[in-house]
Amino acid sequence: NIADAMIIESLLDALFDQGIAVIMTTNRPAQDLYKEGLNRHLAIPQLLALMERRHIRQVQLDAARDFRVPYGELQGLSGSSSTTHRSSI
């Protein structure tokens, strides 16, 4: 939702103004967020500009397990295989 994205951008900007560190995870690089989404051009370029303006650092983490999923839930998934997930912050 574009309105949500614009609110998030304003929120992040305000948090950074206060010197608050924010840690986020995603399974896509920032450039690929909402890829091919409707009206992507209205939100993502502003988010990328915010990241550049605020010198936000992206760190790619490669692991066989997605640590955002609690361990017990992983065991209950049938037919799942380990894959590499990428996180950006």
C-alpha atoms as a PDB file:
ATOM      1  CA  ASN A   1       0.000   0.000   0.000  1.00  0.00           C
ATOM      2  CA  ILE A   2       1.508   3.299  -1.128  1.00  0.00           C
ATOM      3  CA  ALA A   3      -0.021   5.293   1.740  1.00  0.00           C
ATOM      4  CA  ASP A   4       1.569   2.891   4.249  1.00  0.00           C
ATOM      5  CA  ALA A   5       4.928   3.230   2.504  1.00  0.00           C
ATOM      6  CA  MET A   6       4.764   7.012   2.734  1.00  0.00           C
ATOM      7  CA  ILE A   7       3.887   6.837   6.430  1.00  0.00           C
ATOM      8  CA  ILE A   8       6.792   4.449   7.038  1.00  0.00           C
ATOM      9  CA  GLU A   9       9.145   6.816   5.218  1.00  0.00           C
ATOM     10  CA  SER A  10       8.044   9.736   7.424  1.00  0.00           C
ATOM     11  CA  LEU A  11       8.310   7.593  10.542  1.00  0.00           C
ATOM     12  CA  LEU A  12      11.812   6.412   9.683  1.00  0.00           C
ATOM     13  CA  ASP A  13      12.919   9.963   8.923  1.00  0.00           C
ATOM     14  CA  ALA A  14      11.599  11.138  12.321  1.00  0.00           C
ATOM     15  CA  LEU A  15      13.264   8.239  14.143  1.00  0.00           C
ATOM     16  CA  PHE A  16      16.590   8.975  12.459  1.00  0.00           C
ATOM     17  CA  ASP A  17      16.245  12.663  13.419  1.00  0.00           C
ATOM     18  CA  GLN A  18      16.066  11.504  17.042  1.00  0.00           C
ATOM     19  CA  GLY A  19      19.184   9.337  16.638  1.00  0.00           C
ATOM     20  CA  ILE A  20      17.252   6.094  16.985  1.00  0.00           C
ATOM     21  CA  ALA A  21      18.759   3.050  15.282  1.00  0.00           C
ATOM     22  CA  VAL A  22      16.352   0.858  13.345  1.00  0.00           C
ATOM     23  CA  ILE A  23      17.046  -2.741  12.344  1.00  0.00           C
ATOM     24  CA  MET A  24      14.931  -4.296   9.605  1.00  0.00           C
ATOM     25  CA  THR A  25      15.012  -7.598   7.786  1.00  0.00           C
ATOM     26  CA  THR A  26      13.755  -8.570   4.386  1.00  0.00           C
ATOM     27  CA  ASN A  27      14.199 -11.470   2.025  1.00  0.00           C
ATOM     28  CA  ARG A  28      14.911  -9.084  -0.865  1.00  0.00           C
ATOM     29  CA  PRO A  29      17.489  -6.368  -1.456  1.00  0.00           C
ATOM     30  CA  ALA A  30      16.080  -2.868  -0.939  1.00  0.00           C
ATOM     31  CA  GLN A  31      16.156  -2.208  -4.692  1.00  0.00           C
ATOM     32  CA  ASP A  32      13.810  -5.164  -5.262  1.00  0.00           C
ATOM     33  CA  LEU A  33      11.185  -4.307  -2.642  1.00  0.00           C
ATOM     34  CA  TYR A  34       7.654  -4.371  -4.055  1.00  0.00           C
ATOM     35  CA  LYS A  35       9.174  -5.458  -7.370  1.00  0.00           C
ATOM     36  CA  GLU A  36       6.723  -5.026 -10.244  1.00  0.00           C
ATOM     37  CA  GLY A  37       4.118  -3.785  -7.757  1.00  0.00           C
ATOM     38  CA  LEU A  38       1.339  -1.417  -8.703  1.00  0.00           C
ATOM     39  CA  ASN A  39       2.526   2.203  -8.317  1.00  0.00           C
ATOM     40  CA  ARG A  40       5.940   1.047  -7.084  1.00  0.00           C
ATOM     41  CA  HIS A  41       7.419   4.181  -8.622  1.00  0.00           C
ATOM     42  CA  LEU A  42       5.554   6.286  -6.049  1.00  0.00           C
ATOM     43  CA  ALA A  43       7.147   4.779  -2.950  1.00  0.00           C
ATOM     44  CA  ILE A  44      10.320   2.818  -3.504  1.00  0.00           C
ATOM     45  CA  PRO A  45      12.454   5.581  -5.070  1.00  0.00           C
ATOM     46  CA  GLN A  46      11.709   7.784  -2.047  1.00  0.00           C
ATOM     47  CA  LEU A  47      12.653   4.982   0.320  1.00  0.00           C
ATOM     48  CA  LEU A  48      15.912   4.403  -1.545  1.00  0.00           C
ATOM     49  CA  ALA A  49      16.615   8.155  -1.483  1.00  0.00           C
ATOM     50  CA  LEU A  50      15.981   8.171   2.290  1.00  0.00           C
ATOM     51  CA  MET A  51      18.413   5.296   2.701  1.00  0.00           C
ATOM     52  CA  GLU A  52      21.057   7.133   0.716  1.00  0.00           C
ATOM     53  CA  ARG A  53      20.435  10.481   2.435  1.00  0.00           C
ATOM     54  CA  ARG A  54      20.656   8.900   5.888  1.00  0.00           C
ATOM     55  CA  HIS A  55      23.628   6.685   4.959  1.00  0.00           C
ATOM     56  CA  ILE A  56      21.714   3.535   5.862  1.00  0.00           C
ATOM     57  CA  ARG A  57      23.927   0.499   5.685  1.00  0.00           C
ATOM     58  CA  GLN A  58      22.656  -2.721   4.159  1.00  0.00           C
ATOM     59  CA  VAL A  59      24.180  -5.960   5.330  1.00  0.00           C
ATOM     60  CA  GLN A  60      23.540  -9.184   3.459  1.00  0.00           C
ATOM     61  CA  LEU A  61      23.352 -12.250   5.659  1.00  0.00           C
ATOM     62  CA  ASP A  62      23.376 -15.673   4.046  1.00  0.00           C
ATOM     63  CA  ALA A  63      22.218 -18.623   6.098  1.00  0.00           C
ATOM     64  CA  ALA A  64      20.707 -22.007   5.432  1.00  0.00           C
ATOM     65  CA  ARG A  65      17.904 -21.160   7.865  1.00  0.00           C
ATOM     66  CA  ASP A  66      15.561 -18.168   7.987  1.00  0.00           C
ATOM     67  CA  PHE A  67      16.005 -17.045  11.592  1.00  0.00           C
ATOM     68  CA  ARG A  68      12.843 -14.920  11.421  1.00  0.00           C
ATOM     69  CA  VAL A  69      10.872 -18.184  11.690  1.00  0.00           C
ATOM     70  CA  PRO A  70      10.833 -19.760  15.174  1.00  0.00           C
ATOM     71  CA  TYR A  71      12.762 -23.042  15.208  1.00  0.00           C
ATOM     72  CA  GLY A  72       9.758 -25.170  16.260  1.00  0.00           C
ATOM     73  CA  GLU A  73       7.737 -23.939  13.291  1.00  0.00           C
ATOM     74  CA  LEU A  74      10.475 -24.995  10.881  1.00  0.00           C
ATOM     75  CA  GLN A  75      10.294 -28.594  12.083  1.00  0.00           C
ATOM     76  CA  GLY A  76       6.554 -28.736  11.373  1.00  0.00           C
ATOM     77  CA  LEU A  77       6.929 -27.753   7.720  1.00  0.00           C
ATOM     78  CA  SER A  78       6.556 -30.836   5.554  1.00  0.00           C
ATOM     79  CA  GLY A  79       8.575 -31.152   2.419  1.00  0.00           C
ATOM     80  CA  SER A  80      10.571 -28.012   3.103  1.00  0.00           C
ATOM     81  CA  SER A  81      14.208 -27.805   2.233  1.00  0.00           C
ATOM     82  CA  SER A  82      16.905 -25.467   3.417  1.00  0.00           C
ATOM     83  CA  THR A  83      17.497 -22.546   1.118  1.00  0.00           C
ATOM     84  CA  THR A  84      19.621 -19.469   1.344  1.00  0.00           C
ATOM     85  CA  HIS A  85      17.747 -16.372   2.452  1.00  0.00           C
ATOM     86  CA  ARG A  86      19.083 -12.859   2.119  1.00  0.00           C
ATOM     87  CA  SER A  87      18.363 -10.135   4.632  1.00  0.00           C
ATOM     88  CA  SER A  88      18.946  -6.437   4.165  1.00  0.00           C
ATOM     89  CA  ILE A  89      19.038  -3.785   6.802  1.00  0.00           C
END
